[in-house]
Amino acid sequence: MLSVLIESRNQEAELAHTLSALVAGAVEGLVSDVIVLEHGAGEGVERVADAAGCRFMRSWDLPEVIRQSRGDWVLVLEPGARPLSGWVETVSEHIALENSPARFSRSKRHRRSLWQRLFAKRCPLEVGVLLPKSMALEKASAGGDSPFLLARRQMTRRLSCEIIPAWAMIRT
């Protein structure tokens, strides 16, 4: 089973897109819970999370959030990122056969320009990160309350399925 963590900053539309992509995982029984961590003061993200059946938190202790998550694995995504078809089978296979962290492959249809690839700083969650719960808890306990910290300086395997990064939603 998989718990999904999404940290948002008043990103209702982006969150809705990500949650819609996760429905297939919930239907197949892979996604056990989704936890939305919100920094903003607006009510929109809370309404979106509530409508989708997610747990919603405005203040949190990241190690405690991970401890309370239902899944044995944690998937951390940016609001707006959308795993493409086939992700449920690929992630299920990885969880069954591996014990190492992984990331999705970058979408071939949504590539940054050469200028951006050379000079723009990439978000550590651009392609998400999938971690065993014990590893996520260990990294979270090392310091900080942002799920972005779980993705930094992490050796990962690349999954065969692709993800549309969150920045592509802004352009489209």
Protein backbone atom coordinates (compact mmCIF):
# COMPACT_ATOMS: atom_id res chain seq x y z
CA MET A 1 0.00 0.00 0.00
CA LEU A 2 1.06 3.53 -0.78
CA SER A 3 0.56 6.84 1.03
CA VAL A 4 0.82 10.00 -1.06
CA LEU A 5 2.11 13.30 0.39
CA ILE A 6 1.43 16.57 -1.42
CA GLU A 7 2.60 19.93 -0.08
CA SER A 8 0.57 22.85 -1.44
CA ARG A 9 0.66 26.63 -1.36
CA ASN A 10 -2.86 27.75 -2.38
CA GLN A 11 -2.68 25.56 -5.51
CA GLU A 12 -6.26 24.33 -5.84
CA ALA A 13 -6.30 23.68 -9.60
CA GLU A 14 -2.92 21.97 -9.54
CA LEU A 15 -3.95 19.78 -6.61
CA ALA A 16 -7.15 18.76 -8.39
CA HIS A 17 -5.16 17.64 -11.46
CA THR A 18 -2.79 15.57 -9.35
CA LEU A 19 -5.60 13.98 -7.36
CA SER A 20 -7.48 13.05 -10.54
CA ALA A 21 -4.39 11.18 -11.77
CA LEU A 22 -4.21 9.25 -8.47
CA VAL A 23 -7.76 7.89 -8.78
CA ALA A 24 -6.56 4.87 -10.78
CA GLY A 25 -4.24 3.93 -7.92
CA ALA A 26 -7.04 4.20 -5.38
CA VAL A 27 -9.38 2.09 -7.53
CA GLU A 28 -6.72 -0.62 -7.91
CA GLY A 29 -6.09 -0.64 -4.15
CA LEU A 30 -2.55 0.72 -4.40
CA VAL A 31 -3.14 4.16 -2.86
CA SER A 32 -4.31 3.80 0.73
CA ASP A 33 -4.34 7.48 1.68
CA VAL A 34 -3.46 10.94 0.41
CA ILE A 35 -2.25 13.61 2.79
CA VAL A 36 -2.36 17.25 1.69
CA LEU A 37 -0.13 19.67 3.60
CA GLU A 38 -1.14 23.30 3.06
CA HIS A 39 0.84 26.48 3.75
CA GLY A 40 -1.65 29.02 2.42
CA ALA A 41 -4.49 30.74 4.19
CA GLY A 42 -7.17 30.13 1.56
CA GLU A 43 -9.95 27.59 1.87
CA GLY A 44 -9.81 26.31 -1.72
CA VAL A 45 -7.19 23.62 -1.17
CA GLU A 46 -9.01 22.36 1.90
CA ARG A 47 -12.25 22.04 -0.11
CA VAL A 48 -10.50 20.16 -2.92
CA ALA A 49 -8.78 17.80 -0.47
CA ASP A 50 -11.99 17.21 1.46
CA ALA A 51 -13.99 16.51 -1.72
CA ALA A 52 -11.36 13.95 -2.77
CA GLY A 53 -11.33 12.23 0.63
CA CYS A 54 -7.79 13.31 1.52
CA ARG A 55 -6.43 14.10 4.96
CA PHE A 56 -5.74 17.83 5.18
CA MET A 57 -3.29 19.57 7.51
CA ARG A 58 -2.33 23.22 7.95
CA SER A 59 0.30 22.56 10.61
CA TRP A 60 2.23 19.35 10.94
CA ASP A 61 5.25 17.49 12.19
CA LEU A 62 6.55 15.60 9.15
CA PRO A 63 7.87 12.54 11.03
CA GLU A 64 4.51 12.23 12.79
CA VAL A 65 2.62 12.58 9.49
CA ILE A 66 4.70 9.76 8.02
CA ARG A 67 4.21 7.59 11.12
CA GLN A 68 0.43 8.04 10.85
CA SER A 69 0.31 7.32 7.12
CA ARG A 70 -1.32 3.98 6.28
CA GLY A 71 0.98 2.81 3.52
CA ASP A 72 4.28 0.95 3.74
CA TRP A 73 5.60 3.23 1.01
CA VAL A 74 5.41 7.02 0.61
CA LEU A 75 5.03 8.82 -2.72
CA VAL A 76 5.77 12.55 -2.60
CA LEU A 77 4.44 14.69 -5.46
CA GLU A 78 4.14 18.37 -6.32
CA PRO A 79 0.65 19.76 -6.86
CA GLY A 80 0.11 19.70 -10.62
CA ALA A 81 2.31 16.67 -11.33
CA ARG A 82 0.43 13.84 -13.03
CA PRO A 83 1.70 10.28 -13.43
CA LEU A 84 0.79 8.95 -16.87
CA SER A 85 -1.05 5.73 -17.68
CA GLY A 86 0.61 2.56 -16.51
CA TRP A 87 1.95 4.11 -13.33
CA VAL A 88 -0.11 1.86 -11.04
CA GLU A 89 1.36 -1.34 -12.46
CA THR A 90 4.90 0.05 -12.53
CA VAL A 91 4.79 1.31 -8.95
CA SER A 92 3.13 -1.92 -7.74
CA GLU A 93 5.88 -3.96 -9.37
CA HIS A 94 8.61 -1.77 -7.87
CA ILE A 95 7.09 -2.03 -4.39
CA ALA A 96 6.78 -5.81 -4.69
CA LEU A 97 10.30 -6.44 -5.98
CA GLU A 98 12.50 -3.64 -4.65
CA ASN A 99 13.33 -1.97 -1.37
CA SER A 100 15.00 1.10 -2.87
CA PRO A 101 13.65 4.58 -3.58
CA ALA A 102 12.52 5.46 -7.10
CA ARG A 103 11.40 8.35 -9.27
CA PHE A 104 9.21 8.54 -12.34
CA SER A 105 10.75 9.11 -15.78
CA ARG A 106 10.43 12.58 -17.24
CA SER A 107 7.68 12.93 -19.80
CA LYS A 108 9.06 12.96 -23.34
CA ARG A 109 6.24 15.26 -24.46
CA HIS A 110 6.84 17.83 -21.70
CA ARG A 111 10.47 18.83 -21.90
CA ARG A 112 12.04 22.05 -20.78
CA SER A 113 13.75 24.24 -23.34
CA LEU A 114 17.50 23.87 -23.72
CA TRP A 115 17.99 27.17 -21.91
CA GLN A 116 15.90 25.99 -18.96
CA ARG A 117 17.65 22.62 -18.83
CA LEU A 118 21.04 24.29 -18.71
CA PHE A 119 20.37 27.20 -16.37
CA ALA A 120 17.12 26.80 -14.43
CA LYS A 121 17.16 25.15 -11.04
CA ARG A 122 15.08 21.97 -10.98
CA CYS A 123 12.65 21.19 -8.21
CA PRO A 124 13.70 18.02 -6.35
CA LEU A 125 10.12 16.75 -6.75
CA GLU A 126 9.87 17.40 -10.49
CA VAL A 127 9.55 13.66 -11.09
CA GLY A 128 8.28 12.74 -7.62
CA VAL A 129 9.96 10.39 -5.20
CA LEU A 130 8.83 6.97 -3.98
CA LEU A 131 10.35 5.80 -0.67
CA PRO A 132 9.85 2.95 1.76
CA LYS A 133 8.10 4.36 4.83
CA SER A 134 11.07 3.55 7.09
CA MET A 135 13.44 5.49 4.84
CA ALA A 136 11.03 8.43 4.59
CA LEU A 137 10.72 8.50 8.38
CA GLU A 138 14.49 8.43 8.77
CA LYS A 139 14.97 11.34 6.34
CA ALA A 140 12.12 13.33 7.90
CA SER A 141 13.54 12.84 11.39
CA ALA A 142 16.87 14.25 10.21
CA GLY A 143 15.28 17.70 10.14
CA GLY A 144 12.76 19.94 8.47
CA ASP A 145 9.02 19.77 7.96
CA SER A 146 8.85 19.92 4.18
CA PRO A 147 8.29 16.81 2.08
CA PHE A 148 10.69 18.39 -0.43
CA LEU A 149 13.48 17.33 1.94
CA LEU A 150 12.60 13.69 1.29
CA ALA A 151 13.59 14.10 -2.36
CA ARG A 152 16.91 15.90 -1.92
CA ARG A 153 20.21 14.04 -2.19
CA GLN A 154 18.51 10.75 -2.80
CA MET A 155 19.89 7.95 -4.95
CA THR A 156 16.91 6.52 -6.80
CA ARG A 157 15.98 4.05 -9.49
CA ARG A 158 14.13 5.39 -12.51
CA LEU A 159 10.70 3.88 -13.07
CA SER A 160 9.67 3.09 -16.65
CA CYS A 161 6.45 5.12 -16.43
CA GLU A 162 6.43 8.85 -17.08
CA ILE A 163 5.11 11.82 -15.16
CA ILE A 164 4.00 15.22 -16.40
CA PRO A 165 5.82 17.68 -14.15
CA ALA A 166 3.92 20.39 -12.29
CA TRP A 167 5.58 23.20 -14.29
CA ALA A 168 3.95 21.86 -17.50
CA MET A 169 0.49 22.64 -16.11
CA ILE A 170 1.35 26.31 -15.84
CA ARG A 171 2.28 26.44 -19.53
CA THR A 172 -0.72 24.47 -20.81
